[in-house]
Amino acid sequence: MKVTPLDATTYAGSGLTIGSALTLSQWGVVAGIVTALLTLALNVWYTRQKNARERHLAEQQADLVKQQAHLADLAEREAVARLAALGLKP
């Protein structure tokens, strides 16, 4: 839907009418509501970012534990293989 210049001036006029009808106290309430909504949005965004970072860190730590277990298994197999090569039983 395209907004014509006549529609735009009508919307602007109605906005100015509402704006001029508000007292300073009412503007304070509007500013408080806007501030609260912006704070809520920023807190939601930050919490999602924090959760994503923590999830990524947990995945990295789990991968590290798996790699360490694999390296320990390889070291044990190598020790057994060396003993077997020398003709000794582990």
PDB file of N, CA and C in Angstrom:
ATOM      1  N   MET A   1       0.842  -1.172   0.000  1.00  0.00           N
ATOM      2  CA  MET A   1       0.000   0.000   0.000  1.00  0.00           C
ATOM      3  C   MET A   1       0.892   1.241   0.000  1.00  0.00           C
ATOM      4  N   LYS A   2       0.660   2.111  -0.933  1.00  0.00           N
ATOM      5  CA  LYS A   2       1.450   3.325  -1.066  1.00  0.00           C
ATOM      6  C   LYS A   2       0.766   4.476  -0.323  1.00  0.00           C
ATOM      7  N   VAL A   3       1.556   5.225   0.426  1.00  0.00           N
ATOM      8  CA  VAL A   3       1.028   6.361   1.191  1.00  0.00           C
ATOM      9  C   VAL A   3       1.137   7.606   0.317  1.00  0.00           C
ATOM     10  N   THR A   4       0.005   8.260   0.100  1.00  0.00           N
ATOM     11  CA  THR A   4      -0.004   9.483  -0.713  1.00  0.00           C
ATOM     12  C   THR A   4       0.386  10.668   0.167  1.00  0.00           C
ATOM     13  N   PRO A   5       0.782  11.776  -0.437  1.00  0.00           N
ATOM     14  CA  PRO A   5       1.120  12.963   0.358  1.00  0.00           C
ATOM     15  C   PRO A   5      -0.030  13.435   1.234  1.00  0.00           C
ATOM     16  N   LEU A   6      -1.252  13.303   0.744  1.00  0.00           N
ATOM     17  CA  LEU A   6      -2.413  13.707   1.541  1.00  0.00           C
ATOM     18  C   LEU A   6      -2.552  12.814   2.779  1.00  0.00           C
ATOM     19  N   ASP A   7      -2.324  11.498   2.602  1.00  0.00           N
ATOM     20  CA  ASP A   7      -2.372  10.582   3.747  1.00  0.00           C
ATOM     21  C   ASP A   7      -1.264  10.908   4.748  1.00  0.00           C
ATOM     22  N   ALA A   8      -0.069  11.198   4.244  1.00  0.00           N
ATOM     23  CA  ALA A   8       1.056  11.506   5.126  1.00  0.00           C
ATOM     24  C   ALA A   8       0.773  12.749   5.956  1.00  0.00           C
ATOM     25  N   THR A   9       0.207  13.779   5.345  1.00  0.00           N
ATOM     26  CA  THR A   9      -0.094  14.993   6.115  1.00  0.00           C
ATOM     27  C   THR A   9      -1.207  14.737   7.123  1.00  0.00           C
ATOM     28  N   THR A  10      -2.142  13.875   6.787  1.00  0.00           N
ATOM     29  CA  THR A  10      -3.206  13.522   7.733  1.00  0.00           C
ATOM     30  C   THR A  10      -2.628  12.802   8.941  1.00  0.00           C
ATOM     31  N   TYR A  11      -1.738  11.825   8.692  1.00  0.00           N
ATOM     32  CA  TYR A  11      -1.103  11.101   9.790  1.00  0.00           C
ATOM     33  C   TYR A  11      -0.247  12.044  10.638  1.00  0.00           C
ATOM     34  N   ALA A  12       0.509  12.914   9.996  1.00  0.00           N
ATOM     35  CA  ALA A  12       1.352  13.854  10.730  1.00  0.00           C
ATOM     36  C   ALA A  12       0.497  14.797  11.571  1.00  0.00           C
ATOM     37  N   GLY A  13      -0.597  15.269  11.007  1.00  0.00           N
ATOM     38  CA  GLY A  13      -1.484  16.166  11.758  1.00  0.00           C
ATOM     39  C   GLY A  13      -2.094  15.486  12.965  1.00  0.00           C
ATOM     40  N   SER A  14      -2.510  14.230  12.796  1.00  0.00           N
ATOM     41  CA  SER A  14      -3.100  13.516  13.932  1.00  0.00           C
ATOM     42  C   SER A  14      -2.045  13.237  14.996  1.00  0.00           C
ATOM     43  N   GLY A  15      -0.828  12.948  14.584  1.00  0.00           N
ATOM     44  CA  GLY A  15       0.263  12.728  15.539  1.00  0.00           C
ATOM     45  C   GLY A  15       0.581  13.991  16.317  1.00  0.00           C
ATOM     46  N   LEU A  16       0.620  15.124  15.610  1.00  0.00           N
ATOM     47  CA  LEU A  16       0.879  16.400  16.294  1.00  0.00           C
ATOM     48  C   LEU A  16      -0.260  16.769  17.239  1.00  0.00           C
ATOM     49  N   THR A  17      -1.478  16.453  16.862  1.00  0.00           N
ATOM     50  CA  THR A  17      -2.623  16.739  17.728  1.00  0.00           C
ATOM     51  C   THR A  17      -2.531  15.935  19.027  1.00  0.00           C
ATOM     52  N   ILE A  18      -2.224  14.658  18.893  1.00  0.00           N
ATOM     53  CA  ILE A  18      -2.084  13.818  20.088  1.00  0.00           C
ATOM     54  C   ILE A  18      -0.901  14.297  20.930  1.00  0.00           C
ATOM     55  N   GLY A  19       0.210  14.604  20.264  1.00  0.00           N
ATOM     56  CA  GLY A  19       1.398  15.062  20.986  1.00  0.00           C
ATOM     57  C   GLY A  19       1.177  16.353  21.729  1.00  0.00           C
ATOM     58  N   SER A  20       0.446  17.271  21.133  1.00  0.00           N
ATOM     59  CA  SER A  20       0.224  18.559  21.797  1.00  0.00           C
ATOM     60  C   SER A  20      -0.825  18.451  22.899  1.00  0.00           C
ATOM     61  N   ALA A  21      -1.634  17.415  22.891  1.00  0.00           N
ATOM     62  CA  ALA A  21      -2.650  17.237  23.920  1.00  0.00           C
ATOM     63  C   ALA A  21      -2.071  16.656  25.208  1.00  0.00           C
ATOM     64  N   LEU A  22      -0.880  16.079  25.139  1.00  0.00           N
ATOM     65  CA  LEU A  22      -0.283  15.474  26.325  1.00  0.00           C
ATOM     66  C   LEU A  22       0.382  16.523  27.208  1.00  0.00           C
ATOM     67  N   THR A  23       0.202  16.366  28.509  1.00  0.00           N
ATOM     68  CA  THR A  23       0.867  17.268  29.458  1.00  0.00           C
ATOM     69  C   THR A  23       2.277  16.759  29.707  1.00  0.00           C
ATOM     70  N   LEU A  24       3.042  17.536  30.456  1.00  0.00           N
ATOM     71  CA  LEU A  24       4.413  17.150  30.754  1.00  0.00           C
ATOM     72  C   LEU A  24       4.441  15.861  31.579  1.00  0.00           C
ATOM     73  N   SER A  25       3.509  15.693  32.484  1.00  0.00           N
ATOM     74  CA  SER A  25       3.435  14.466  33.288  1.00  0.00           C
ATOM     75  C   SER A  25       3.140  13.264  32.398  1.00  0.00           C
ATOM     76  N   GLN A  26       2.254  13.442  31.449  1.00  0.00           N
ATOM     77  CA  GLN A  26       1.922  12.344  30.545  1.00  0.00           C
ATOM     78  C   GLN A  26       3.113  11.993  29.649  1.00  0.00           C
ATOM     79  N   TRP A  27       3.860  13.019  29.240  1.00  0.00           N
ATOM     80  CA  TRP A  27       5.076  12.752  28.455  1.00  0.00           C
ATOM     81  C   TRP A  27       6.084  11.964  29.291  1.00  0.00           C
ATOM     82  N   GLY A  28       6.139  12.269  30.580  1.00  0.00           N
ATOM     83  CA  GLY A  28       7.024  11.513  31.471  1.00  0.00           C
ATOM     84  C   GLY A  28       6.628  10.047  31.545  1.00  0.00           C
ATOM     85  N   VAL A  29       5.322   9.796  31.589  1.00  0.00           N
ATOM     86  CA  VAL A  29       4.835   8.414  31.602  1.00  0.00           C
ATOM     87  C   VAL A  29       5.203   7.712  30.295  1.00  0.00           C
ATOM     88  N   VAL A  30       5.004   8.402  29.187  1.00  0.00           N
ATOM     89  CA  VAL A  30       5.350   7.817  27.883  1.00  0.00           C
ATOM     90  C   VAL A  30       6.847   7.519  27.816  1.00  0.00           C
ATOM     91  N   ALA A  31       7.667   8.457  28.281  1.00  0.00           N
ATOM     92  CA  ALA A  31       9.123   8.236  28.276  1.00  0.00           C
ATOM     93  C   ALA A  31       9.492   7.062  29.173  1.00  0.00           C
ATOM     94  N   GLY A  32       8.818   6.925  30.317  1.00  0.00           N
ATOM     95  CA  GLY A  32       9.081   5.796  31.213  1.00  0.00           C
ATOM     96  C   GLY A  32       8.716   4.477  30.582  1.00  0.00           C
ATOM     97  N   ILE A  33       7.586   4.436  29.899  1.00  0.00           N
ATOM     98  CA  ILE A  33       7.161   3.198  29.229  1.00  0.00           C
ATOM     99  C   ILE A  33       8.144   2.824  28.122  1.00  0.00           C
ATOM    100  N   VAL A  34       8.546   3.804  27.333  1.00  0.00           N
ATOM    101  CA  VAL A  34       9.500   3.544  26.242  1.00  0.00           C
ATOM    102  C   VAL A  34      10.828   3.049  26.809  1.00  0.00           C
ATOM    103  N   THR A  35      11.285   3.691  27.888  1.00  0.00           N
ATOM    104  CA  THR A  35      12.539   3.279  28.521  1.00  0.00           C
ATOM    105  C   THR A  35      12.429   1.854  29.052  1.00  0.00           C
ATOM    106  N   ALA A  36      11.323   1.526  29.679  1.00  0.00           N
ATOM    107  CA  ALA A  36      11.133   0.170  30.213  1.00  0.00           C
ATOM    108  C   ALA A  36      11.127  -0.861  29.093  1.00  0.00           C
ATOM    109  N   LEU A  37      10.453  -0.558  27.995  1.00  0.00           N
ATOM    110  CA  LEU A  37      10.413  -1.504  26.872  1.00  0.00           C
ATOM    111  C   LEU A  37      11.786  -1.691  26.239  1.00  0.00           C
ATOM    112  N   LEU A  38      12.545  -0.604  26.104  1.00  0.00           N
ATOM    113  CA  LEU A  38      13.904  -0.714  25.559  1.00  0.00           C
ATOM    114  C   LEU A  38      14.803  -1.522  26.496  1.00  0.00           C
ATOM    115  N   THR A  39      14.653  -1.309  27.796  1.00  0.00           N
ATOM    116  CA  THR A  39      15.439  -2.063  28.768  1.00  0.00           C
ATOM    117  C   THR A  39      15.105  -3.549  28.682  1.00  0.00           C
ATOM    118  N   LEU A  40      13.828  -3.866  28.578  1.00  0.00           N
ATOM    119  CA  LEU A  40      13.406  -5.261  28.445  1.00  0.00           C
ATOM    120  C   LEU A  40      14.010  -5.885  27.186  1.00  0.00           C
ATOM    121  N   ALA A  41      13.932  -5.178  26.070  1.00  0.00           N
ATOM    122  CA  ALA A  41      14.465  -5.708  24.811  1.00  0.00           C
ATOM    123  C   ALA A  41      15.972  -5.942  24.904  1.00  0.00           C
ATOM    124  N   LEU A  42      16.690  -5.005  25.496  1.00  0.00           N
ATOM    125  CA  LEU A  42      18.141  -5.166  25.633  1.00  0.00           C
ATOM    126  C   LEU A  42      18.489  -6.310  26.576  1.00  0.00           C
ATOM    127  N   ASN A  43      17.729  -6.472  27.653  1.00  0.00           N
ATOM    128  CA  ASN A  43      17.986  -7.579  28.575  1.00  0.00           C
ATOM    129  C   ASN A  43      17.721  -8.925  27.919  1.00  0.00           C
ATOM    130  N   VAL A  44      16.675  -9.017  27.138  1.00  0.00           N
ATOM    131  CA  VAL A  44      16.384 -10.267  26.425  1.00  0.00           C
ATOM    132  C   VAL A  44      17.503 -10.572  25.435  1.00  0.00           C
ATOM    133  N   TRP A  45      17.932  -9.565  24.695  1.00  0.00           N
ATOM    134  CA  TRP A  45      19.009  -9.759  23.711  1.00  0.00           C
ATOM    135  C   TRP A  45      20.298 -10.192  24.405  1.00  0.00           C
ATOM    136  N   TYR A  46      20.659  -9.489  25.501  1.00  0.00           N
ATOM    137  CA  TYR A  46      21.897  -9.815  26.205  1.00  0.00           C
ATOM    138  C   TYR A  46      21.839 -11.223  26.788  1.00  0.00           C
ATOM    139  N   THR A  47      20.701 -11.611  27.356  1.00  0.00           N
ATOM    140  CA  THR A  47      20.569 -12.938  27.941  1.00  0.00           C
ATOM    141  C   THR A  47      20.707 -14.019  26.873  1.00  0.00           C
ATOM    142  N   ARG A  48      20.128 -13.792  25.709  1.00  0.00           N
ATOM    143  CA  ARG A  48      20.281 -14.768  24.620  1.00  0.00           C
ATOM    144  C   ARG A  48      21.733 -14.877  24.178  1.00  0.00           C
ATOM    145  N   GLN A  49      22.420 -13.750  24.083  1.00  0.00           N
ATOM    146  CA  GLN A  49      23.837 -13.777  23.706  1.00  0.00           C
ATOM    147  C   GLN A  49      24.659 -14.522  24.755  1.00  0.00           C
ATOM    148  N   LYS A  50      24.369 -14.260  26.025  1.00  0.00           N
ATOM    149  CA  LYS A  50      25.098 -14.902  27.113  1.00  0.00           C
ATOM    150  C   LYS A  50      24.861 -16.413  27.095  1.00  0.00           C
ATOM    151  N   ASN A  51      23.607 -16.825  26.897  1.00  0.00           N
ATOM    152  CA  ASN A  51      23.298 -18.250  26.833  1.00  0.00           C
ATOM    153  C   ASN A  51      24.002 -18.923  25.661  1.00  0.00           C
ATOM    154  N   ALA A  52      24.057 -18.251  24.532  1.00  0.00           N
ATOM    155  CA  ALA A  52      24.743 -18.818  23.362  1.00  0.00           C
ATOM    156  C   ALA A  52      26.233 -18.972  23.640  1.00  0.00           C
ATOM    157  N   ARG A  53      26.837 -17.960  24.288  1.00  0.00           N
ATOM    158  CA  ARG A  53      28.267 -18.045  24.633  1.00  0.00           C
ATOM    159  C   ARG A  53      28.518 -19.205  25.595  1.00  0.00           C
ATOM    160  N   GLU A  54      27.669 -19.337  26.624  1.00  0.00           N
ATOM    161  CA  GLU A  54      27.848 -20.408  27.603  1.00  0.00           C
ATOM    162  C   GLU A  54      27.652 -21.780  26.976  1.00  0.00           C
ATOM    163  N   ARG A  55      26.693 -21.910  26.070  1.00  0.00           N
ATOM    164  CA  ARG A  55      26.457 -23.175  25.376  1.00  0.00           C
ATOM    165  C   ARG A  55      27.673 -23.537  24.533  1.00  0.00           C
ATOM    166  N   HIS A  56      28.217 -22.561  23.830  1.00  0.00           N
ATOM    167  CA  HIS A  56      29.398 -22.795  22.995  1.00  0.00           C
ATOM    168  C   HIS A  56      30.589 -23.214  23.856  1.00  0.00           C
ATOM    169  N   LEU A  57      30.765 -22.560  24.993  1.00  0.00           N
ATOM    170  CA  LEU A  57      31.857 -22.910  25.904  1.00  0.00           C
ATOM    171  C   LEU A  57      31.689 -24.335  26.430  1.00  0.00           C
ATOM    172  N   ALA A  58      30.473 -24.709  26.785  1.00  0.00           N
ATOM    173  CA  ALA A  58      30.216 -26.059  27.291  1.00  0.00           C
ATOM    174  C   ALA A  58      30.518 -27.102  26.219  1.00  0.00           C
ATOM    175  N   GLU A  59      30.159 -26.808  24.986  1.00  0.00           N
ATOM    176  CA  GLU A  59      30.455 -27.737  23.891  1.00  0.00           C
ATOM    177  C   GLU A  59      31.957 -27.882  23.688  1.00  0.00           C
ATOM    178  N   GLN A  60      32.682 -26.770  23.772  1.00  0.00           N
ATOM    179  CA  GLN A  60      34.134 -26.827  23.626  1.00  0.00           C
ATOM    180  C   GLN A  60      34.755 -27.642  24.750  1.00  0.00           C
ATOM    181  N   GLN A  61      34.267 -27.466  25.971  1.00  0.00           N
ATOM    182  CA  GLN A  61      34.817 -28.225  27.101  1.00  0.00           C
ATOM    183  C   GLN A  61      34.520 -29.713  26.955  1.00  0.00           C
ATOM    184  N   ALA A  62      33.315 -30.052  26.465  1.00  0.00           N
ATOM    185  CA  ALA A  62      32.973 -31.456  26.247  1.00  0.00           C
ATOM    186  C   ALA A  62      33.877 -32.067  25.180  1.00  0.00           C
ATOM    187  N   ASP A  63      34.152 -31.326  24.124  1.00  0.00           N
ATOM    188  CA  ASP A  63      35.049 -31.811  23.078  1.00  0.00           C
ATOM    189  C   ASP A  63      36.459 -32.013  23.620  1.00  0.00           C
ATOM    190  N   LEU A  64      36.897 -31.111  24.493  1.00  0.00           N
ATOM    191  CA  LEU A  64      38.225 -31.219  25.076  1.00  0.00           C
ATOM    192  C   LEU A  64      38.329 -32.473  25.947  1.00  0.00           C
ATOM    193  N   VAL A  65      37.301 -32.759  26.718  1.00  0.00           N
ATOM    194  CA  VAL A  65      37.292 -33.962  27.560  1.00  0.00           C
ATOM    195  C   VAL A  65      37.359 -35.209  26.689  1.00  0.00           C
ATOM    196  N   LYS A  66      36.609 -35.230  25.581  1.00  0.00           N
ATOM    197  CA  LYS A  66      36.642 -36.363  24.668  1.00  0.00           C
ATOM    198  C   LYS A  66      38.034 -36.542  24.061  1.00  0.00           C
ATOM    199  N   GLN A  67      38.659 -35.434  23.674  1.00  0.00           N
ATOM    200  CA  GLN A  67      39.998 -35.505  23.091  1.00  0.00           C
ATOM    201  C   GLN A  67      41.008 -36.013  24.107  1.00  0.00           C
ATOM    202  N   GLN A  68      40.892 -35.570  25.358  1.00  0.00           N
ATOM    203  CA  GLN A  68      41.821 -36.026  26.386  1.00  0.00           C
ATOM    204  C   GLN A  68      41.640 -37.519  26.656  1.00  0.00           C
ATOM    205  N   ALA A  69      40.399 -37.989  26.666  1.00  0.00           N
ATOM    206  CA  ALA A  69      40.142 -39.414  26.868  1.00  0.00           C
ATOM    207  C   ALA A  69      40.706 -40.226  25.706  1.00  0.00           C
ATOM    208  N   HIS A  70      40.567 -39.720  24.495  1.00  0.00           N
ATOM    209  CA  HIS A  70      41.103 -40.408  23.320  1.00  0.00           C
ATOM    210  C   HIS A  70      42.626 -40.467  23.383  1.00  0.00           C
ATOM    211  N   LEU A  71      43.256 -39.367  23.774  1.00  0.00           N
ATOM    212  CA  LEU A  71      44.718 -39.358  23.888  1.00  0.00           C
ATOM    213  C   LEU A  71      45.199 -40.316  24.974  1.00  0.00           C
ATOM    214  N   ALA A  72      44.480 -40.404  26.075  1.00  0.00           N
ATOM    215  CA  ALA A  72      44.852 -41.341  27.138  1.00  0.00           C
ATOM    216  C   ALA A  72      44.733 -42.776  26.637  1.00  0.00           C
ATOM    217  N   ASP A  73      43.681 -43.065  25.879  1.00  0.00           N
ATOM    218  CA  ASP A  73      43.503 -44.401  25.310  1.00  0.00           C
ATOM    219  C   ASP A  73      44.630 -44.736  24.345  1.00  0.00           C
ATOM    220  N   LEU A  74      45.003 -43.749  23.508  1.00  0.00           N
ATOM    221  CA  LEU A  74      46.108 -43.980  22.562  1.00  0.00           C
ATOM    222  C   LEU A  74      47.422 -44.208  23.295  1.00  0.00           C
ATOM    223  N   ALA A  75      47.652 -43.464  24.371  1.00  0.00           N
ATOM    224  CA  ALA A  75      48.886 -43.642  25.134  1.00  0.00           C
ATOM    225  C   ALA A  75      48.927 -45.029  25.767  1.00  0.00           C
ATOM    226  N   GLU A  76      47.784 -45.498  26.263  1.00  0.00           N
ATOM    227  CA  GLU A  76      47.733 -46.836  26.868  1.00  0.00           C
ATOM    228  C   GLU A  76      47.984 -47.907  25.805  1.00  0.00           C
ATOM    229  N   ARG A  77      47.377 -47.756  24.629  1.00  0.00           N
ATOM    230  CA  ARG A  77      47.594 -48.725  23.545  1.00  0.00           C
ATOM    231  C   ARG A  77      49.057 -48.739  23.110  1.00  0.00           C
ATOM    232  N   GLU A  78      49.662 -47.553  23.059  1.00  0.00           N
ATOM    233  CA  GLU A  78      51.079 -47.481  22.670  1.00  0.00           C
ATOM    234  C   GLU A  78      51.957 -48.195  23.691  1.00  0.00           C
ATOM    235  N   ALA A  79      51.663 -48.011  24.971  1.00  0.00           N
ATOM    236  CA  ALA A  79      52.458 -48.668  26.013  1.00  0.00           C
ATOM    237  C   ALA A  79      52.329 -50.185  25.915  1.00  0.00           C
ATOM    238  N   VAL A  80      51.102 -50.662  25.674  1.00  0.00           N
ATOM    239  CA  VAL A  80      50.884 -52.105  25.537  1.00  0.00           C
ATOM    240  C   VAL A  80      51.617 -52.630  24.300  1.00  0.00           C
ATOM    241  N   ALA A  81      51.566 -51.880  23.205  1.00  0.00           N
ATOM    242  CA  ALA A  81      52.234 -52.299  21.986  1.00  0.00           C
ATOM    243  C   ALA A  81      53.751 -52.336  22.165  1.00  0.00           C
ATOM    244  N   ARG A  82      54.293 -51.375  22.880  1.00  0.00           N
ATOM    245  CA  ARG A  82      55.752 -51.369  23.113  1.00  0.00           C
ATOM    246  C   ARG A  82      56.176 -52.573  23.977  1.00  0.00           C
ATOM    247  N   LEU A  83      55.382 -52.843  25.005  1.00  0.00           N
ATOM    248  CA  LEU A  83      55.698 -53.990  25.860  1.00  0.00           C
ATOM    249  C   LEU A  83      55.607 -55.288  25.060  1.00  0.00           C
ATOM    250  N   ALA A  84      54.578 -55.384  24.187  1.00  0.00           N
ATOM    251  CA  ALA A  84      54.418 -56.569  23.363  1.00  0.00           C
ATOM    252  C   ALA A  84      55.591 -56.718  22.390  1.00  0.00           C
ATOM    253  N   ALA A  85      56.077 -55.601  21.868  1.00  0.00           N
ATOM    254  CA  ALA A  85      57.207 -55.641  20.939  1.00  0.00           C
ATOM    255  C   ALA A  85      58.466 -56.113  21.639  1.00  0.00           C
ATOM    256  N   LEU A  86      58.563 -55.847  22.930  1.00  0.00           N
ATOM    257  CA  LEU A  86      59.735 -56.305  23.696  1.00  0.00           C
ATOM    258  C   LEU A  86      59.560 -57.731  24.216  1.00  0.00           C
ATOM    259  N   GLY A  87      58.388 -58.291  23.969  1.00  0.00           N
ATOM    260  CA  GLY A  87      58.120 -59.659  24.391  1.00  0.00           C
ATOM    261  C   GLY A  87      57.638 -59.730  25.829  1.00  0.00           C
ATOM    262  N   LEU A  88      57.237 -58.625  26.393  1.00  0.00           N
ATOM    263  CA  LEU A  88      56.735 -58.600  27.774  1.00  0.00           C
ATOM    264  C   LEU A  88      55.227 -58.521  27.796  1.00  0.00           C
ATOM    265  N   LYS A  89      54.648 -59.087  28.840  1.00  0.00           N
ATOM    266  CA  LYS A  89      53.208 -59.025  28.986  1.00  0.00           C
ATOM    267  C   LYS A  89      52.855 -57.816  29.878  1.00  0.00           C
ATOM    268  N   PRO A  90      51.809 -57.098  29.492  1.00  0.00           N
ATOM    269  CA  PRO A  90      51.453 -55.913  30.300  1.00  0.00           C
ATOM    270  C   PRO A  90      50.855 -56.262  31.638  1.00  0.00           C
TER     271      PRO A  90
END
